[in-house]
Every structure is written in structure tokens, then in C-alpha cells.
Amino acid sequence: MLLRLKTLILLLSLLFVLFSSCNKELPVIKSQESIKDLILDSIYYYAKEVYFWNEEIPNYNIFSPRKKYGQISPDLFAYKTELYDITQLKIDKITNLPYEFSLNGIPKFSYIEERSSKFKYSSMLSNVIENNNIITAELNNIPYLKFNNFHSLENVQSIFDNFFLAISLKRPKTLIIDLRENSGGYIETVEYLANLIISSNNNNKVMFSEEFNKTLIEGKAKILRNQVYLDEEGKFKIINGRLATLDDVDYTEKNNTYYFSKKGFLESIEQIYFITSPKTASASEMLINVLSPYINIKIYGGKTYGKPIGTFPIKIKDYSLFISSFVIKNANGYYNYFNGFTPNIYCNYRSEVNEELNDDCLNCIFSNLGINIESKNIKILSRRSNQITMDIDSHKEAVKGNFKIKPLNKIIYEKEN
């Protein structure tokens, strides 16, 4: 019965948001209106309350989504065009360009896609086949870790655990992490890796926090009553005899702050050399940012992409809207790397990392550490290269799935989706 009730609510959610809202800006519904008109309206109204820079969005009559985009075809292109225009409203004072500016007419962070039948709140839509390339090595007893994606933790945890257990016995002070091909992935994998690296002296200290817009923080985004709450495992919850919705979530920074909890036995790392490129984005940049208040960080290679932004999925009919909704801050409150992290030393990050690990960026790091390049000693600990299916599109912003319900709302029980 509960599953049928949930299905009914999901089917009616689009109509509810458009016909039952008390928002005075809502247009008068006419019999000749199309589903396309209603979806164009929904994109506008969700952005007006959920978008991180929502204060820049004009009122409905000025923006006029039906008039501007109603004649564009196909429909998905109309929705993407509307979203692009919304995301170009907030200007970065450093660059004098929109925060989500791009040359190809696609927002830098936000996007809308047709919805998958296997959709879960903890993941993005696309099932992407990615090369899962991971190299662990020791270079003159300096541990080296290279991986191309922050895959789901279950796919990489054993490799990380074995690597950090092996190097912990030698108590290294320096670590090299090669992220030049790493465009992001799962936040939980970032957290796990950070907890393997950090020392236990930093237990219970802030790792990162998430800041939402004022509308969400103050609980005024009532449009989210139309989005059923699903946890990371795809379960929905019952609150006070009804289905929990995203309006029941606590969006305050206090309750979206996460702390270090040491994993493994490595306690000795004092400095990390990160190798980066313009491909280094999202979760990769997050790892750099969350560790920088606690460990001496040096960046070699190229400037990173610049994605301190996160999102969560909003269902609209047969589509899912992922609109920039929060920034990810480190313990010092820093998140303003929209234009990427600038390396301490630029080096040729395009050079091939071969079997001998003979690479321009690595050679620059060795030189800085006073290691003779000609006499470097390389020990490959493990190399893994295969293809796995990812439940997220790692080239887009990090997706939040670990929502916390407001404390005054009592959860009675949970049910499998």
C-alpha cells in the first residue's frame, strides 16, 4: 500500500507544484496548456528557490519561460536553453563572467537529463563505462598514488586499504597523489581517502561543510514538498504518517558539516604533492581543499577545472534537474576556487606516465625534494586497469544523497524504494 501511495505521489508531483502552489507569481492555468509549458514553468520555479544564486533570478512575468522557450524544439533543447539562461545570471566579480559560463552553450555545473528508471537520490543518471586505472608505487620510498576517478567506495576500498597499510609501516612524511586524469566522482570515496591520509590527531575536526542558499536554510523552499525524500540506499521515510519530502531536510550549515574519523594506521604524512591538469575537477578538487588546512599541500601540473559546487536531483515529469545548489567548504570556510586551483609549479602534465614513471611533473617534484632523477628507485606496488560501470557521471558536479531530516520531524519507519 505504501509503495502504491509513493508511486501516486510521484506521478502527481508535477501537477501539484503547478496547480497547488500558493506562489502569487503562478500563471493562470489554461486548458490548452501543454506538458512542455508546465515543465518550463517547473524549471523556473525550482531554480527560483533551490539555485545557489537564486537571488539573481527575476520574477516570473519578467523571465517569461513559456514565451521565451515554448517554440524551441525539440523539447529537451528548450529545457536546456532555459536552464542555461538561468545559470548565466550570476556574475563572478573576479572574471566578470557568469559563474557557469562556457563557450559551448552548456552550463559549467547545472544540467537537465531524461530520467532513468533506476534512478536513486545518491547517484546521477548516467551509467558510464570508465577506465578504472589505479597505480600505487614507491619512488625512492615516497608513496605514489594515481587514479582516474573517485569510483564508488566498494570498487576501490581494498586497493586503498592495502596501499596505505603497506606504506604506514615505513612512516613516510611525503605523499604524491596524481589526479591529472581524475575528473571526480563519489563524495564518500573522497571522505574515505581523506580519513586514510589524515592523522588521528585531527579526529573530530571539520573536514568540510555544505552551504545552501538563504531560501533553503530558512525552510522557505516549499516547492520541495513535491520531491519525495529518498536516502542513499533508495529508501523513503514516513514522518508523522506521511511520506517525507525534501522540504523536511535540514539545510543549515551546522547540520551539513562533516568531520574527520581516522581510517587505517598511517599517521606520518606532513606534505602532499598533487599532480593536476584542467581535467582535475569536482571530487578531486574537494580532496585538495579539505586536506589543505591540516597538511602542507603543493600542486604541480596545470590549473584545475574549478567545481566547488554540489547538487541534488529534482524530478520533473520524465526529467531530472541537477541545478547548482550548494558550495563545499573546507575547515577554513574556503570554497572560492571556481576558476580552479593554480599550481605552485607548472609542468608538462600531458606527458605519458610510463612503466618507468618517467614523467615531467614527477621529475619536477623529485628535483624539489633534492632527489637525483638519474638515481631514482621505482617500486610498483600494484597496477589495476579495467572497465567498470559507474552510476554517476563524474564529469559533472558532486551529487548529495546524505540528507539529514530536520530534528523536530520524527521518523517513524523507513521503507525500501
Protein backbone atom coordinates (compact mmCIF):
# COMPACT_ATOMS: atom_id res chain seq x y z
CA MET A 1 0.00 0.00 0.00
CA LEU A 2 2.80 2.39 0.90
CA LEU A 3 4.61 1.65 -2.35
CA ARG A 4 1.45 2.40 -4.31
CA LEU A 5 1.00 5.62 -2.36
CA LYS A 6 4.56 6.67 -3.18
CA THR A 7 4.05 5.94 -6.87
CA LEU A 8 0.88 8.00 -6.88
CA ILE A 9 2.63 10.93 -5.20
CA LEU A 10 5.49 10.81 -7.69
CA LEU A 11 3.07 10.85 -10.62
CA LEU A 12 1.14 13.77 -9.18
CA SER A 13 4.11 15.81 -8.01
CA LEU A 14 4.44 17.86 -11.19
CA LEU A 15 0.76 18.74 -11.21
CA PHE A 16 0.82 19.54 -7.50
CA VAL A 17 3.67 22.01 -7.82
CA LEU A 18 1.97 23.87 -10.64
CA PHE A 19 -1.66 23.78 -9.51
CA SER A 20 -1.44 23.80 -5.71
CA SER A 21 1.29 26.34 -5.00
CA CYS A 22 0.34 29.46 -3.12
CA ASN A 23 3.02 31.43 -5.01
CA LYS A 24 1.31 34.55 -6.31
CA GLU A 25 3.50 34.58 -9.43
CA LEU A 26 2.00 31.35 -10.77
CA PRO A 27 0.29 31.87 -14.13
CA VAL A 28 -3.37 31.09 -14.64
CA ILE A 29 -3.71 27.52 -15.88
CA LYS A 30 -5.48 27.27 -19.23
CA SER A 31 -6.96 24.20 -20.84
CA GLN A 32 -4.72 24.44 -23.92
CA GLU A 33 -1.50 24.38 -21.90
CA SER A 34 0.95 21.66 -22.82
CA ILE A 35 3.14 19.47 -20.66
CA LYS A 36 6.06 21.37 -22.18
CA ASP A 37 4.71 24.67 -20.79
CA LEU A 38 4.33 23.13 -17.35
CA ILE A 39 7.88 21.74 -17.39
CA LEU A 40 9.27 25.11 -18.46
CA ASP A 41 7.43 26.67 -15.53
CA SER A 42 8.71 23.98 -13.14
CA ILE A 43 12.34 24.55 -14.12
CA TYR A 44 11.88 28.24 -13.39
CA TYR A 45 10.14 27.76 -10.02
CA TYR A 46 12.61 25.15 -8.75
CA ALA A 47 15.53 27.36 -9.75
CA LYS A 48 13.89 30.33 -8.05
CA GLU A 49 14.00 28.50 -4.70
CA VAL A 50 16.85 25.96 -4.98
CA TYR A 51 19.56 27.53 -7.18
CA PHE A 52 22.55 28.68 -5.12
CA TRP A 53 22.41 32.15 -6.69
CA ASN A 54 18.61 32.32 -6.74
CA GLU A 55 18.56 36.00 -5.74
CA GLU A 56 19.56 36.86 -9.31
CA ILE A 57 16.51 35.26 -10.92
CA PRO A 58 13.81 37.82 -11.89
CA ASN A 59 10.11 37.28 -11.23
CA TYR A 60 8.05 35.03 -13.48
CA ASN A 61 6.47 37.73 -15.63
CA ILE A 62 9.85 39.24 -16.45
CA PHE A 63 11.57 35.92 -17.15
CA SER A 64 8.53 34.56 -19.03
CA PRO A 65 9.73 30.97 -19.68
CA ARG A 66 6.81 29.93 -21.91
CA LYS A 67 7.18 32.92 -24.18
CA LYS A 68 10.96 32.61 -24.47
CA TYR A 69 11.32 28.85 -24.84
CA GLY A 70 7.89 27.45 -25.76
CA GLN A 71 8.58 27.46 -29.51
CA ILE A 72 12.03 25.84 -29.26
CA SER A 73 12.26 22.22 -30.34
CA PRO A 74 12.98 19.52 -29.52
CA ASP A 75 11.58 19.88 -26.01
CA LEU A 76 14.77 18.85 -24.21
CA PHE A 77 16.72 21.53 -26.07
CA ALA A 78 14.15 24.09 -24.91
CA TYR A 79 14.62 22.99 -21.29
CA LYS A 80 18.41 23.09 -21.62
CA THR A 81 18.26 26.56 -23.17
CA GLU A 82 16.11 27.86 -20.32
CA LEU A 83 18.46 26.35 -17.76
CA TYR A 84 21.49 27.84 -19.50
CA ASP A 85 19.95 31.32 -19.42
CA ILE A 86 19.16 30.98 -15.70
CA THR A 87 22.72 29.92 -14.92
CA GLN A 88 24.23 32.92 -16.72
CA LEU A 89 22.61 35.48 -14.40
CA LYS A 90 25.14 35.49 -11.55
CA ILE A 91 28.43 37.19 -12.45
CA ASP A 92 31.79 36.27 -10.91
CA LYS A 93 33.40 39.58 -9.91
CA ILE A 94 36.87 38.12 -10.45
CA THR A 95 36.33 37.21 -14.10
CA ASN A 96 33.34 39.45 -14.93
CA LEU A 97 31.78 36.34 -16.47
CA PRO A 98 28.92 34.17 -15.19
CA TYR A 99 29.95 31.54 -12.65
CA GLU A 100 28.53 28.92 -15.02
CA PHE A 101 29.89 30.45 -18.22
CA SER A 102 31.00 28.16 -21.02
CA LEU A 103 31.75 28.57 -24.70
CA ASN A 104 29.50 25.71 -25.85
CA GLY A 105 26.15 26.94 -24.53
CA ILE A 106 26.08 24.36 -21.73
CA PRO A 107 26.20 25.48 -18.06
CA LYS A 108 29.50 24.74 -16.36
CA PHE A 109 27.76 22.90 -13.50
CA SER A 110 23.96 22.56 -13.85
CA TYR A 111 22.15 20.28 -16.29
CA ILE A 112 18.89 18.51 -17.06
CA GLU A 113 18.53 14.97 -18.42
CA GLU A 114 15.87 12.42 -19.17
CA ARG A 115 15.29 10.33 -16.09
CA SER A 116 16.42 6.73 -15.68
CA SER A 117 14.05 4.09 -14.31
CA LYS A 118 16.81 3.02 -11.91
CA PHE A 119 17.27 6.50 -10.50
CA LYS A 120 18.39 6.94 -6.88
CA TYR A 121 18.96 10.13 -4.93
CA SER A 122 22.52 9.13 -4.14
CA SER A 123 23.58 8.99 -7.78
CA MET A 124 23.45 10.79 -11.08
CA LEU A 125 21.57 9.36 -14.02
CA SER A 126 24.14 8.11 -16.44
CA ASN A 127 25.64 4.64 -16.25
CA VAL A 128 29.06 5.45 -17.65
CA ILE A 129 31.73 2.92 -18.51
CA GLU A 130 35.00 4.31 -17.20
CA ASN A 131 38.57 3.04 -17.22
CA ASN A 132 39.41 2.27 -13.63
CA ASN A 133 43.17 2.90 -13.79
CA ILE A 134 44.92 2.85 -10.44
CA ILE A 135 48.68 2.79 -9.90
CA THR A 136 50.32 2.51 -6.48
CA ALA A 137 54.09 2.75 -6.22
CA GLU A 138 57.06 3.86 -4.17
CA LEU A 139 59.52 6.31 -5.69
CA ASN A 140 62.67 6.44 -3.57
CA ASN A 141 60.45 5.33 -0.67
CA ILE A 142 57.97 8.15 -1.37
CA PRO A 143 54.49 6.65 -1.82
CA TYR A 144 52.76 7.45 -5.12
CA LEU A 145 49.06 7.01 -5.91
CA LYS A 146 47.48 7.64 -9.31
CA PHE A 147 43.82 7.03 -10.13
CA ASN A 148 41.47 8.35 -12.78
CA ASN A 149 38.13 8.56 -10.94
CA PHE A 150 36.68 8.60 -7.46
CA HIS A 151 34.74 5.43 -8.14
CA SER A 152 32.25 4.06 -5.65
CA LEU A 153 34.00 3.05 -2.46
CA GLU A 154 33.21 -0.64 -2.89
CA ASN A 155 35.28 -0.68 -6.10
CA VAL A 156 38.44 0.91 -4.67
CA GLN A 157 38.42 0.47 -0.89
CA SER A 158 40.53 -2.71 -0.83
CA ILE A 159 43.18 -1.12 -3.08
CA PHE A 160 43.37 1.99 -0.92
CA ASP A 161 43.44 -0.05 2.29
CA ASN A 162 46.26 -2.31 1.08
CA PHE A 163 48.32 0.62 -0.21
CA PHE A 164 48.06 2.70 2.94
CA LEU A 165 48.67 -0.29 5.19
CA ALA A 166 51.86 -1.12 3.27
CA ILE A 167 53.26 2.42 3.41
CA SER A 168 52.24 3.06 7.03
CA LEU A 169 54.94 0.69 8.25
CA LYS A 170 57.62 2.99 6.79
CA ARG A 171 56.12 6.18 8.28
CA PRO A 172 56.60 8.42 5.20
CA LYS A 173 56.29 12.17 5.63
CA THR A 174 55.62 12.88 1.94
CA LEU A 175 52.91 11.53 -0.36
CA ILE A 176 52.39 12.06 -4.11
CA ILE A 177 48.82 11.86 -5.45
CA ASP A 178 48.40 12.05 -9.22
CA LEU A 179 44.98 13.47 -10.15
CA ARG A 180 45.76 14.76 -13.63
CA GLU A 181 43.17 12.44 -15.26
CA ASN A 182 40.71 12.48 -12.38
CA SER A 183 37.50 14.36 -13.12
CA GLY A 184 35.68 13.50 -9.89
CA GLY A 185 33.15 11.01 -8.59
CA TYR A 186 31.71 9.93 -5.26
CA ILE A 187 31.99 12.19 -2.21
CA GLU A 188 32.05 9.17 0.12
CA THR A 189 35.25 7.99 -1.60
CA VAL A 190 36.83 11.41 -1.04
CA GLU A 191 35.91 11.22 2.64
CA TYR A 192 37.36 7.72 2.99
CA LEU A 193 40.63 8.61 1.29
CA ALA A 194 41.00 11.80 3.36
CA ASN A 195 40.49 9.73 6.52
CA LEU A 196 43.22 7.30 5.42
CA ILE A 197 45.66 10.18 4.90
CA ILE A 198 44.93 12.38 7.90
CA SER A 199 46.47 11.64 11.30
CA SER A 200 44.34 10.63 14.29
CA ASN A 201 45.30 13.95 15.94
CA ASN A 202 42.70 15.52 13.66
CA ASN A 203 39.85 13.20 14.61
CA ASN A 204 36.55 15.05 15.06
CA LYS A 205 37.90 18.18 13.37
CA VAL A 206 35.93 19.65 10.47
CA MET A 207 36.58 18.02 7.11
CA PHE A 208 34.04 20.00 5.08
CA SER A 209 30.66 21.69 5.23
CA GLU A 210 27.93 22.48 2.71
CA GLU A 211 26.36 25.92 2.37
CA PHE A 212 22.95 26.30 0.71
CA ASN A 213 21.08 29.45 -0.28
CA LYS A 214 19.11 31.53 2.23
CA THR A 215 15.74 30.24 0.98
CA LEU A 216 16.69 26.63 1.74
CA ILE A 217 18.39 27.45 5.04
CA GLU A 218 15.29 29.28 6.31
CA GLY A 219 12.99 26.46 5.22
CA LYS A 220 11.14 28.62 2.69
CA ALA A 221 11.61 26.39 -0.37
CA LYS A 222 8.12 24.93 -0.06
CA ILE A 223 8.22 23.73 -3.65
CA LEU A 224 10.36 20.84 -2.36
CA ARG A 225 7.26 19.36 -0.73
CA ASN A 226 6.72 17.87 -4.16
CA GLN A 227 10.00 15.93 -4.11
CA VAL A 228 9.84 12.65 -2.20
CA TYR A 229 12.78 12.09 0.14
CA LEU A 230 14.98 9.09 -0.70
CA ASP A 231 18.05 8.23 1.33
CA GLU A 232 21.39 6.97 -0.01
CA GLU A 233 20.04 3.43 -0.22
CA GLY A 234 16.94 4.43 -2.17
CA LYS A 235 14.60 4.13 0.81
CA PHE A 236 11.81 6.57 1.53
CA LYS A 237 10.71 7.50 5.03
CA ILE A 238 7.45 8.11 6.83
CA ILE A 239 7.18 11.22 9.02
CA ASN A 240 4.12 11.84 11.14
CA GLY A 241 2.07 9.49 8.99
CA ARG A 242 3.14 10.90 5.60
CA LEU A 243 5.95 10.45 3.13
CA ALA A 244 8.99 12.58 3.93
CA THR A 245 9.89 15.13 1.27
CA LEU A 246 12.93 17.27 0.56
CA ASP A 247 11.12 20.08 2.40
CA ASP A 248 11.74 18.08 5.60
CA VAL A 249 15.52 18.27 5.13
CA ASP A 250 17.70 20.46 7.34
CA TYR A 251 19.73 22.71 5.02
CA THR A 252 21.60 24.64 7.73
CA GLU A 253 25.38 24.54 7.54
CA LYS A 254 25.57 23.30 11.14
CA ASN A 255 23.76 20.11 10.22
CA ASN A 256 25.63 19.71 6.94
CA THR A 257 29.12 19.71 8.45
CA TYR A 258 31.26 16.56 8.34
CA TYR A 259 34.21 15.59 10.50
CA PHE A 260 37.37 13.52 10.19
CA SER A 261 37.23 9.95 11.51
CA LYS A 262 40.64 8.31 11.08
CA LYS A 263 40.88 5.14 8.99
CA GLY A 264 43.89 2.83 8.84
CA PHE A 265 47.28 3.21 10.53
CA LEU A 266 49.12 5.90 8.56
CA GLU A 267 49.98 8.75 10.96
CA SER A 268 53.07 10.38 9.48
CA ILE A 269 52.09 12.42 6.36
CA GLU A 270 53.21 16.07 6.63
CA GLN A 271 53.12 17.14 2.98
CA ILE A 272 51.36 16.07 -0.21
CA TYR A 273 52.30 16.80 -3.80
CA PHE A 274 49.25 16.78 -6.06
CA ILE A 275 49.70 16.48 -9.84
CA THR A 276 46.81 18.20 -11.61
CA SER A 277 45.50 19.32 -15.00
CA PRO A 278 42.38 21.06 -16.40
CA LYS A 279 40.70 17.63 -16.15
CA THR A 280 41.13 17.64 -12.37
CA ALA A 281 37.67 18.54 -11.13
CA SER A 282 34.93 18.26 -8.53
CA ALA A 283 35.73 15.46 -6.06
CA SER A 284 39.45 15.69 -6.92
CA GLU A 285 39.50 19.38 -6.07
CA MET A 286 37.49 18.66 -2.95
CA LEU A 287 40.23 16.29 -1.71
CA ILE A 288 42.84 19.01 -2.17
CA ASN A 289 40.65 21.59 -0.44
CA VAL A 290 39.64 19.54 2.62
CA LEU A 291 43.23 18.49 3.38
CA SER A 292 44.84 21.91 2.88
CA PRO A 293 44.03 23.29 6.39
CA TYR A 294 45.82 20.34 8.00
CA ILE A 295 48.64 19.23 5.67
CA ASN A 296 51.19 21.18 3.62
CA ILE A 297 49.86 20.97 0.07
CA LYS A 298 51.84 21.60 -3.14
CA ILE A 299 50.27 21.45 -6.60
CA TYR A 300 52.31 20.58 -9.70
CA GLY A 301 50.99 20.44 -13.26
CA GLY A 302 48.18 22.55 -14.70
CA LYS A 303 45.34 24.65 -13.35
CA THR A 304 42.34 22.59 -12.24
CA TYR A 305 38.81 22.88 -13.63
CA GLY A 306 37.08 24.67 -10.73
CA LYS A 307 34.00 22.89 -9.28
CA PRO A 308 33.31 23.70 -5.63
CA ILE A 309 29.60 23.14 -6.30
CA GLY A 310 27.20 20.33 -5.43
CA THR A 311 23.65 19.45 -6.39
CA PHE A 312 20.79 17.08 -5.75
CA PRO A 313 18.29 15.68 -8.27
CA ILE A 314 14.86 17.22 -8.78
CA LYS A 315 12.29 15.13 -10.64
CA ILE A 316 10.13 16.94 -13.18
CA LYS A 317 7.89 14.60 -15.19
CA ASP A 318 10.29 12.42 -17.23
CA TYR A 319 13.34 14.57 -16.49
CA SER A 320 15.78 15.14 -13.66
CA LEU A 321 17.09 18.62 -12.99
CA PHE A 322 20.52 18.98 -11.41
CA ILE A 323 20.93 22.64 -10.58
CA SER A 324 23.83 24.10 -8.59
CA SER A 325 22.53 24.10 -5.03
CA PHE A 326 25.39 24.34 -2.52
CA VAL A 327 29.10 25.06 -2.17
CA ILE A 328 31.53 22.69 -0.46
CA LYS A 329 33.75 24.49 2.08
CA ASN A 330 36.84 23.31 3.94
CA ALA A 331 37.53 23.83 7.66
CA ASN A 332 38.68 27.39 6.96
CA GLY A 333 35.45 28.15 5.10
CA TYR A 334 37.23 28.31 1.74
CA TYR A 335 35.41 27.33 -1.45
CA ASN A 336 36.17 30.09 -3.95
CA TYR A 337 38.08 28.03 -6.50
CA PHE A 338 35.51 28.46 -9.26
CA ASN A 339 38.40 29.27 -11.58
CA GLY A 340 40.45 26.28 -10.44
CA PHE A 341 43.46 25.77 -8.21
CA THR A 342 46.61 27.40 -9.58
CA PRO A 343 49.65 25.11 -9.35
CA ASN A 344 52.71 26.09 -7.34
CA ILE A 345 54.79 24.81 -10.24
CA TYR A 346 53.58 24.45 -13.83
CA CYS A 347 54.89 21.33 -15.56
CA ASN A 348 54.01 19.19 -18.56
CA TYR A 349 51.03 17.23 -17.21
CA ARG A 350 50.37 15.86 -20.73
CA SER A 351 53.44 13.64 -20.66
CA GLU A 352 52.71 9.92 -20.59
CA VAL A 353 53.13 8.13 -17.27
CA ASN A 354 55.02 5.06 -18.47
CA GLU A 355 56.22 1.90 -16.76
CA GLU A 356 59.33 3.72 -15.51
CA LEU A 357 57.19 6.60 -14.20
CA ASN A 358 59.46 8.87 -16.20
CA ASP A 359 57.32 11.99 -16.22
CA ASP A 360 57.99 15.72 -16.34
CA CYS A 361 55.84 16.56 -13.30
CA LEU A 362 57.30 13.73 -11.23
CA ASN A 363 60.79 14.83 -12.19
CA CYS A 364 59.97 18.38 -11.06
CA ILE A 365 58.79 17.03 -7.70
CA PHE A 366 61.95 14.92 -7.33
CA SER A 367 64.06 17.98 -8.08
CA ASN A 368 62.22 19.98 -5.42
CA LEU A 369 62.81 17.18 -2.92
CA GLY A 370 66.51 17.05 -3.79
CA ILE A 371 66.30 13.59 -5.40
CA ASN A 372 68.62 12.81 -8.28
CA ILE A 373 66.40 11.88 -11.20
CA GLU A 374 69.01 9.53 -12.64
CA SER A 375 69.20 7.50 -9.42
CA LYS A 376 65.51 7.26 -8.58
CA ASN A 377 64.35 3.87 -7.35
CA ILE A 378 60.89 2.80 -8.56
CA LYS A 379 58.83 0.04 -7.00
CA ILE A 380 55.39 -0.61 -8.49
CA LEU A 381 53.14 -1.93 -5.72
CA SER A 382 50.02 -2.51 -7.81
CA ARG A 383 48.51 -1.62 -11.15
CA ARG A 384 44.84 -2.05 -11.97
CA SER A 385 43.30 -1.25 -15.35
CA ASN A 386 39.83 -2.43 -16.20
CA GLN A 387 36.42 -1.04 -17.08
CA ILE A 388 33.63 -0.67 -14.58
CA THR A 389 30.13 0.76 -14.77
CA MET A 390 29.67 3.96 -12.80
CA ASP A 391 26.28 5.10 -11.52
CA ILE A 392 27.34 8.73 -11.81
CA ASP A 393 28.65 10.99 -14.48
CA SER A 394 31.84 12.08 -12.78
CA HIS A 395 32.38 14.96 -15.18
CA LYS A 396 29.57 16.83 -13.50
CA GLU A 397 29.23 18.27 -10.05
CA ALA A 398 29.06 16.20 -6.89
CA VAL A 399 25.60 14.85 -6.07
CA LYS A 400 24.38 14.91 -2.49
CA GLY A 401 22.49 11.93 -1.15
CA ASN A 402 23.13 12.04 2.61
CA PHE A 403 20.37 14.45 3.59
CA LYS A 404 19.50 14.97 7.25
CA ILE A 405 15.89 15.35 8.31
CA LYS A 406 15.02 18.35 10.49
CA PRO A 407 15.27 17.29 14.16
CA LEU A 408 11.65 18.20 15.03
CA ASN A 409 10.31 15.78 12.44
CA LYS A 410 10.15 12.30 13.92
CA ILE A 411 10.85 9.45 11.52
CA ILE A 412 8.52 6.57 12.31
CA TYR A 413 9.98 3.96 9.96
CA GLU A 414 11.60 3.54 6.59
CA LYS A 415 10.64 1.51 3.57
CA GLU A 416 12.57 0.10 0.61
CA ASN A 417 12.00 2.03 -2.61
